Amino acid sequence: MLRRLLLRWLVDAMAVYAAIELIPGIVAGEGWGILFWVALILGLVNALIAPLLRLLTCPLIILSLGLFTLVINALMLRLTATIATAVGLEFVVTDWVAAFLGALVISVVSVILSVVLGVDRKRRRR
């Protein structure tokens, strides 16, 4: 279980790194330390706040055939940037378009890396 958690954290950090490199409106300070802290904050935000938002916006998610989930992911990325800045980390998402595209990149990279590294293999077998 600890191995899976650490792999998930590494995957999230690499996905955030990909978003920083690909999206001009997402900026972070130097070093992998910031990426790991941002990945931790993003993971906590996605675990604690995103499920509540998905529950509250369930009708919109259904009407949009799931596409509204991308809006929620963008909001979670903006919230992560706000929290990271508040605790003194250099992580900035400049605007809504950057948040949306960054959330899209993070989602795609995270899924690809999870499959390649087999992070959630046990869960898929059930």
N, C-alpha and C. Protein backbone atom coordinates (compact mmCIF):
# COMPACT_ATOMS: atom_id res chain seq x y z
N MET A 1 0.83 -1.20 0.00
CA MET A 1 0.00 0.00 0.00
C MET A 1 0.87 1.26 0.00
N LEU A 2 1.93 1.26 0.80
CA LEU A 2 2.82 2.41 0.84
C LEU A 2 3.52 2.59 -0.50
N ARG A 3 3.89 1.47 -1.13
CA ARG A 3 4.53 1.54 -2.44
C ARG A 3 3.60 2.19 -3.45
N ARG A 4 2.32 1.80 -3.44
CA ARG A 4 1.35 2.37 -4.38
C ARG A 4 1.15 3.86 -4.12
N LEU A 5 1.13 4.25 -2.85
CA LEU A 5 0.97 5.66 -2.51
C LEU A 5 2.16 6.49 -3.00
N LEU A 6 3.36 5.96 -2.79
CA LEU A 6 4.56 6.67 -3.25
C LEU A 6 4.63 6.74 -4.78
N LEU A 7 4.24 5.65 -5.44
CA LEU A 7 4.20 5.67 -6.91
C LEU A 7 3.17 6.68 -7.42
N ARG A 8 2.03 6.73 -6.76
CA ARG A 8 0.97 7.69 -7.15
C ARG A 8 1.48 9.12 -6.99
N TRP A 9 2.21 9.36 -5.91
CA TRP A 9 2.78 10.68 -5.64
C TRP A 9 3.81 11.04 -6.72
N LEU A 10 4.65 10.08 -7.09
CA LEU A 10 5.64 10.30 -8.14
C LEU A 10 4.96 10.57 -9.48
N VAL A 11 3.93 9.81 -9.80
CA VAL A 11 3.18 10.00 -11.04
C VAL A 11 2.56 11.40 -11.07
N ASP A 12 1.97 11.82 -9.97
CA ASP A 12 1.37 13.15 -9.91
C ASP A 12 2.43 14.25 -10.08
N ALA A 13 3.60 14.06 -9.46
CA ALA A 13 4.67 15.05 -9.61
C ALA A 13 5.15 15.13 -11.05
N MET A 14 5.26 13.99 -11.71
CA MET A 14 5.69 14.01 -13.12
C MET A 14 4.62 14.61 -14.01
N ALA A 15 3.35 14.39 -13.69
CA ALA A 15 2.26 14.98 -14.47
C ALA A 15 2.24 16.50 -14.30
N VAL A 16 2.47 16.98 -13.08
CA VAL A 16 2.55 18.42 -12.84
C VAL A 16 3.75 19.01 -13.60
N TYR A 17 4.86 18.29 -13.61
CA TYR A 17 6.04 18.74 -14.36
C TYR A 17 5.72 18.87 -15.85
N ALA A 18 4.99 17.90 -16.39
CA ALA A 18 4.62 17.95 -17.80
C ALA A 18 3.74 19.17 -18.08
N ALA A 19 2.82 19.46 -17.17
CA ALA A 19 1.95 20.63 -17.35
C ALA A 19 2.76 21.93 -17.30
N ILE A 20 3.73 21.98 -16.40
CA ILE A 20 4.57 23.18 -16.30
C ILE A 20 5.37 23.38 -17.59
N GLU A 21 5.88 22.29 -18.15
CA GLU A 21 6.69 22.38 -19.37
C GLU A 21 5.84 22.68 -20.61
N LEU A 22 4.61 22.17 -20.66
CA LEU A 22 3.81 22.31 -21.87
C LEU A 22 2.90 23.53 -21.90
N ILE A 23 2.45 24.00 -20.75
CA ILE A 23 1.48 25.09 -20.71
C ILE A 23 2.20 26.36 -20.25
N PRO A 24 2.22 27.41 -21.09
CA PRO A 24 2.94 28.63 -20.74
C PRO A 24 2.40 29.36 -19.51
N GLY A 25 1.14 29.19 -19.17
CA GLY A 25 0.56 29.92 -18.05
C GLY A 25 0.73 29.25 -16.69
N ILE A 26 1.47 28.14 -16.66
CA ILE A 26 1.74 27.47 -15.39
C ILE A 26 3.23 27.58 -15.11
N VAL A 27 3.55 28.18 -13.97
CA VAL A 27 4.94 28.48 -13.64
C VAL A 27 5.24 27.95 -12.25
N ALA A 28 6.41 27.35 -12.10
CA ALA A 28 6.83 26.85 -10.79
C ALA A 28 8.29 27.21 -10.56
N GLY A 29 8.67 27.23 -9.30
CA GLY A 29 10.05 27.49 -8.95
C GLY A 29 10.95 26.33 -9.36
N GLU A 30 12.22 26.50 -9.15
CA GLU A 30 13.20 25.49 -9.54
C GLU A 30 13.22 24.31 -8.58
N GLY A 31 13.49 23.15 -9.11
CA GLY A 31 13.72 21.98 -8.28
C GLY A 31 12.54 21.04 -8.19
N TRP A 32 12.87 19.77 -7.93
CA TRP A 32 11.86 18.74 -7.80
C TRP A 32 11.11 18.84 -6.47
N GLY A 33 11.72 19.48 -5.48
CA GLY A 33 11.06 19.60 -4.18
C GLY A 33 9.72 20.30 -4.28
N ILE A 34 9.67 21.36 -5.06
CA ILE A 34 8.41 22.10 -5.26
C ILE A 34 7.39 21.21 -5.96
N LEU A 35 7.85 20.45 -6.94
CA LEU A 35 6.92 19.56 -7.65
C LEU A 35 6.29 18.53 -6.72
N PHE A 36 7.10 17.97 -5.82
CA PHE A 36 6.56 16.98 -4.90
C PHE A 36 5.58 17.61 -3.92
N TRP A 37 5.87 18.81 -3.45
CA TRP A 37 4.93 19.49 -2.55
C TRP A 37 3.64 19.86 -3.27
N VAL A 38 3.76 20.34 -4.49
CA VAL A 38 2.57 20.68 -5.28
C VAL A 38 1.75 19.43 -5.57
N ALA A 39 2.43 18.32 -5.89
CA ALA A 39 1.72 17.06 -6.12
C ALA A 39 0.99 16.60 -4.85
N LEU A 40 1.61 16.80 -3.70
CA LEU A 40 0.96 16.44 -2.44
C LEU A 40 -0.28 17.29 -2.20
N ILE A 41 -0.15 18.60 -2.42
CA ILE A 41 -1.30 19.50 -2.25
C ILE A 41 -2.40 19.14 -3.24
N LEU A 42 -2.03 18.89 -4.49
CA LEU A 42 -3.02 18.52 -5.51
C LEU A 42 -3.73 17.22 -5.14
N GLY A 43 -2.97 16.26 -4.65
CA GLY A 43 -3.58 14.99 -4.22
C GLY A 43 -4.55 15.17 -3.07
N LEU A 44 -4.19 16.01 -2.10
CA LEU A 44 -5.08 16.27 -0.97
C LEU A 44 -6.34 17.02 -1.41
N VAL A 45 -6.16 17.99 -2.28
CA VAL A 45 -7.32 18.75 -2.79
C VAL A 45 -8.25 17.82 -3.57
N ASN A 46 -7.66 16.96 -4.41
CA ASN A 46 -8.48 16.03 -5.18
C ASN A 46 -9.15 14.98 -4.31
N ALA A 47 -8.54 14.64 -3.20
CA ALA A 47 -9.13 13.63 -2.32
C ALA A 47 -10.20 14.21 -1.40
N LEU A 48 -10.04 15.46 -1.00
CA LEU A 48 -10.95 16.04 0.00
C LEU A 48 -12.04 16.93 -0.57
N ILE A 49 -11.73 17.72 -1.58
CA ILE A 49 -12.68 18.72 -2.06
C ILE A 49 -13.36 18.30 -3.36
N ALA A 50 -12.61 17.69 -4.27
CA ALA A 50 -13.17 17.33 -5.58
C ALA A 50 -14.38 16.39 -5.49
N PRO A 51 -14.39 15.38 -4.60
CA PRO A 51 -15.59 14.53 -4.54
C PRO A 51 -16.85 15.30 -4.15
N LEU A 52 -16.71 16.26 -3.27
CA LEU A 52 -17.86 17.07 -2.88
C LEU A 52 -18.36 17.90 -4.06
N LEU A 53 -17.43 18.48 -4.81
CA LEU A 53 -17.82 19.25 -5.99
C LEU A 53 -18.47 18.37 -7.05
N ARG A 54 -17.96 17.17 -7.22
CA ARG A 54 -18.56 16.25 -8.20
C ARG A 54 -19.97 15.86 -7.78
N LEU A 55 -20.16 15.68 -6.49
CA LEU A 55 -21.50 15.35 -5.99
C LEU A 55 -22.46 16.51 -6.22
N LEU A 56 -22.02 17.72 -5.90
CA LEU A 56 -22.88 18.89 -6.04
C LEU A 56 -23.18 19.22 -7.50
N THR A 57 -22.26 18.91 -8.39
CA THR A 57 -22.45 19.25 -9.80
C THR A 57 -22.81 18.02 -10.64
N CYS A 58 -23.28 16.99 -10.00
CA CYS A 58 -23.63 15.75 -10.70
C CYS A 58 -24.57 15.99 -11.89
N PRO A 59 -25.62 16.79 -11.76
CA PRO A 59 -26.47 17.03 -12.93
C PRO A 59 -25.71 17.65 -14.11
N LEU A 60 -24.80 18.59 -13.83
CA LEU A 60 -24.02 19.19 -14.91
C LEU A 60 -23.07 18.18 -15.55
N ILE A 61 -22.52 17.31 -14.74
CA ILE A 61 -21.62 16.29 -15.26
C ILE A 61 -22.39 15.34 -16.17
N ILE A 62 -23.58 14.97 -15.76
CA ILE A 62 -24.39 14.06 -16.57
C ILE A 62 -24.84 14.75 -17.87
N LEU A 63 -25.30 16.00 -17.77
CA LEU A 63 -25.74 16.72 -18.97
C LEU A 63 -24.62 16.95 -19.98
N SER A 64 -23.40 17.14 -19.47
CA SER A 64 -22.27 17.39 -20.36
C SER A 64 -21.54 16.10 -20.74
N LEU A 65 -22.12 14.96 -20.38
CA LEU A 65 -21.52 13.66 -20.65
C LEU A 65 -20.12 13.53 -20.05
N GLY A 66 -19.93 14.11 -18.88
CA GLY A 66 -18.68 13.99 -18.15
C GLY A 66 -17.67 15.09 -18.42
N LEU A 67 -17.92 15.94 -19.40
CA LEU A 67 -16.95 16.98 -19.74
C LEU A 67 -16.82 18.04 -18.65
N PHE A 68 -17.86 18.21 -17.83
CA PHE A 68 -17.77 19.20 -16.76
C PHE A 68 -16.72 18.80 -15.71
N THR A 69 -16.35 17.53 -15.72
CA THR A 69 -15.29 17.07 -14.83
C THR A 69 -13.98 17.80 -15.12
N LEU A 70 -13.76 18.16 -16.38
CA LEU A 70 -12.56 18.92 -16.72
C LEU A 70 -12.57 20.31 -16.08
N VAL A 71 -13.75 20.90 -15.98
CA VAL A 71 -13.88 22.20 -15.31
C VAL A 71 -13.55 22.05 -13.82
N ILE A 72 -14.04 20.98 -13.22
CA ILE A 72 -13.74 20.73 -11.80
C ILE A 72 -12.24 20.52 -11.61
N ASN A 73 -11.61 19.76 -12.51
CA ASN A 73 -10.17 19.55 -12.42
C ASN A 73 -9.40 20.86 -12.55
N ALA A 74 -9.87 21.75 -13.43
CA ALA A 74 -9.22 23.06 -13.56
C ALA A 74 -9.38 23.87 -12.29
N LEU A 75 -10.55 23.82 -11.68
CA LEU A 75 -10.75 24.51 -10.41
C LEU A 75 -9.83 23.96 -9.32
N MET A 76 -9.64 22.65 -9.31
CA MET A 76 -8.76 22.04 -8.31
C MET A 76 -7.31 22.46 -8.53
N LEU A 77 -6.91 22.62 -9.79
CA LEU A 77 -5.55 23.08 -10.08
C LEU A 77 -5.37 24.52 -9.63
N ARG A 78 -6.38 25.37 -9.87
CA ARG A 78 -6.30 26.76 -9.41
C ARG A 78 -6.25 26.83 -7.88
N LEU A 79 -7.05 25.99 -7.22
CA LEU A 79 -7.04 25.94 -5.76
C LEU A 79 -5.68 25.47 -5.25
N THR A 80 -5.10 24.50 -5.93
CA THR A 80 -3.76 24.01 -5.55
C THR A 80 -2.74 25.13 -5.66
N ALA A 81 -2.81 25.92 -6.72
CA ALA A 81 -1.89 27.05 -6.89
C ALA A 81 -2.08 28.09 -5.79
N THR A 82 -3.33 28.34 -5.42
CA THR A 82 -3.61 29.30 -4.35
C THR A 82 -3.05 28.81 -3.02
N ILE A 83 -3.26 27.55 -2.70
CA ILE A 83 -2.74 26.99 -1.45
C ILE A 83 -1.23 26.96 -1.46
N ALA A 84 -0.64 26.56 -2.59
CA ALA A 84 0.82 26.51 -2.69
C ALA A 84 1.44 27.89 -2.49
N THR A 85 0.85 28.90 -3.08
CA THR A 85 1.34 30.27 -2.90
C THR A 85 1.18 30.71 -1.45
N ALA A 86 0.08 30.33 -0.82
CA ALA A 86 -0.18 30.72 0.57
C ALA A 86 0.84 30.11 1.53
N VAL A 87 1.35 28.92 1.21
CA VAL A 87 2.33 28.29 2.10
C VAL A 87 3.76 28.59 1.67
N GLY A 88 3.93 29.44 0.67
CA GLY A 88 5.26 29.91 0.30
C GLY A 88 5.93 29.16 -0.84
N LEU A 89 5.18 28.35 -1.57
CA LEU A 89 5.75 27.65 -2.72
C LEU A 89 5.54 28.48 -3.98
N GLU A 90 6.50 28.44 -4.86
CA GLU A 90 6.38 29.16 -6.13
C GLU A 90 5.65 28.28 -7.14
N PHE A 91 4.35 28.38 -7.18
CA PHE A 91 3.54 27.66 -8.16
C PHE A 91 2.38 28.56 -8.51
N VAL A 92 2.32 28.98 -9.78
CA VAL A 92 1.33 29.94 -10.22
C VAL A 92 0.62 29.43 -11.46
N VAL A 93 -0.70 29.51 -11.45
CA VAL A 93 -1.52 29.26 -12.63
C VAL A 93 -2.11 30.61 -12.99
N THR A 94 -1.70 31.15 -14.15
CA THR A 94 -2.00 32.55 -14.45
C THR A 94 -3.46 32.84 -14.78
N ASP A 95 -4.11 31.96 -15.52
CA ASP A 95 -5.49 32.25 -15.92
C ASP A 95 -6.30 30.97 -16.08
N TRP A 96 -7.56 31.15 -16.47
CA TRP A 96 -8.48 30.03 -16.57
C TRP A 96 -8.08 29.06 -17.68
N VAL A 97 -7.63 29.58 -18.81
CA VAL A 97 -7.23 28.72 -19.94
C VAL A 97 -6.04 27.86 -19.53
N ALA A 98 -5.07 28.45 -18.85
CA ALA A 98 -3.91 27.69 -18.38
C ALA A 98 -4.34 26.60 -17.40
N ALA A 99 -5.28 26.92 -16.52
CA ALA A 99 -5.78 25.93 -15.56
C ALA A 99 -6.48 24.78 -16.28
N PHE A 100 -7.30 25.12 -17.26
CA PHE A 100 -8.04 24.09 -18.00
C PHE A 100 -7.09 23.19 -18.78
N LEU A 101 -6.17 23.79 -19.52
CA LEU A 101 -5.22 23.00 -20.30
C LEU A 101 -4.27 22.23 -19.39
N GLY A 102 -3.87 22.85 -18.28
CA GLY A 102 -3.00 22.16 -17.33
C GLY A 102 -3.68 20.96 -16.71
N ALA A 103 -4.95 21.11 -16.35
CA ALA A 103 -5.70 19.99 -15.79
C ALA A 103 -5.84 18.87 -16.81
N LEU A 104 -6.03 19.24 -18.06
CA LEU A 104 -6.13 18.24 -19.13
C LEU A 104 -4.80 17.49 -19.29
N VAL A 105 -3.70 18.22 -19.32
CA VAL A 105 -2.38 17.59 -19.45
C VAL A 105 -2.10 16.69 -18.24
N ILE A 106 -2.38 17.18 -17.04
CA ILE A 106 -2.14 16.39 -15.84
C ILE A 106 -2.96 15.11 -15.86
N SER A 107 -4.20 15.19 -16.28
CA SER A 107 -5.05 14.00 -16.35
C SER A 107 -4.52 12.98 -17.34
N VAL A 108 -4.17 13.43 -18.53
CA VAL A 108 -3.70 12.51 -19.57
C VAL A 108 -2.37 11.87 -19.18
N VAL A 109 -1.42 12.69 -18.72
CA VAL A 109 -0.11 12.16 -18.33
C VAL A 109 -0.24 11.22 -17.14
N SER A 110 -1.09 11.56 -16.20
CA SER A 110 -1.28 10.72 -15.03
C SER A 110 -1.85 9.36 -15.39
N VAL A 111 -2.82 9.33 -16.30
CA VAL A 111 -3.40 8.06 -16.74
C VAL A 111 -2.36 7.22 -17.47
N ILE A 112 -1.61 7.84 -18.37
CA ILE A 112 -0.60 7.10 -19.13
C ILE A 112 0.48 6.54 -18.21
N LEU A 113 1.00 7.36 -17.31
CA LEU A 113 2.04 6.89 -16.39
C LEU A 113 1.52 5.84 -15.42
N SER A 114 0.28 5.97 -14.99
CA SER A 114 -0.30 4.98 -14.09
C SER A 114 -0.40 3.61 -14.76
N VAL A 115 -0.77 3.61 -16.03
CA VAL A 115 -0.88 2.35 -16.76
C VAL A 115 0.52 1.76 -16.99
N VAL A 116 1.46 2.60 -17.40
CA VAL A 116 2.82 2.12 -17.68
C VAL A 116 3.48 1.57 -16.42
N LEU A 117 3.34 2.30 -15.29
CA LEU A 117 3.98 1.88 -14.05
C LEU A 117 3.15 0.89 -13.25
N GLY A 118 1.90 0.67 -13.66
CA GLY A 118 1.05 -0.28 -12.96
C GLY A 118 0.67 0.16 -11.56
N VAL A 119 0.40 1.46 -11.38
CA VAL A 119 0.11 2.00 -10.05
C VAL A 119 -1.17 1.42 -9.48
N ASP A 120 -2.22 1.34 -10.26
CA ASP A 120 -3.52 0.88 -9.75
C ASP A 120 -3.87 -0.51 -10.29
N ARG A 121 -2.89 -1.33 -10.50
CA ARG A 121 -3.11 -2.65 -11.09
C ARG A 121 -4.01 -3.53 -10.22
N LYS A 122 -3.81 -3.53 -8.91
CA LYS A 122 -4.63 -4.35 -8.00
C LYS A 122 -6.09 -3.94 -8.06
N ARG A 123 -6.34 -2.64 -8.08
CA ARG A 123 -7.71 -2.13 -8.11
C ARG A 123 -8.42 -2.54 -9.39
N ARG A 124 -7.70 -2.57 -10.53
CA ARG A 124 -8.30 -2.93 -11.81
C ARG A 124 -8.65 -4.41 -11.86
N ARG A 125 -7.93 -5.26 -11.13
CA ARG A 125 -8.19 -6.70 -11.16
C ARG A 125 -9.50 -7.07 -10.49
N ARG A 126 -9.96 -6.27 -9.56
CA ARG A 126 -11.17 -6.61 -8.81
C ARG A 126 -12.41 -6.52 -9.61
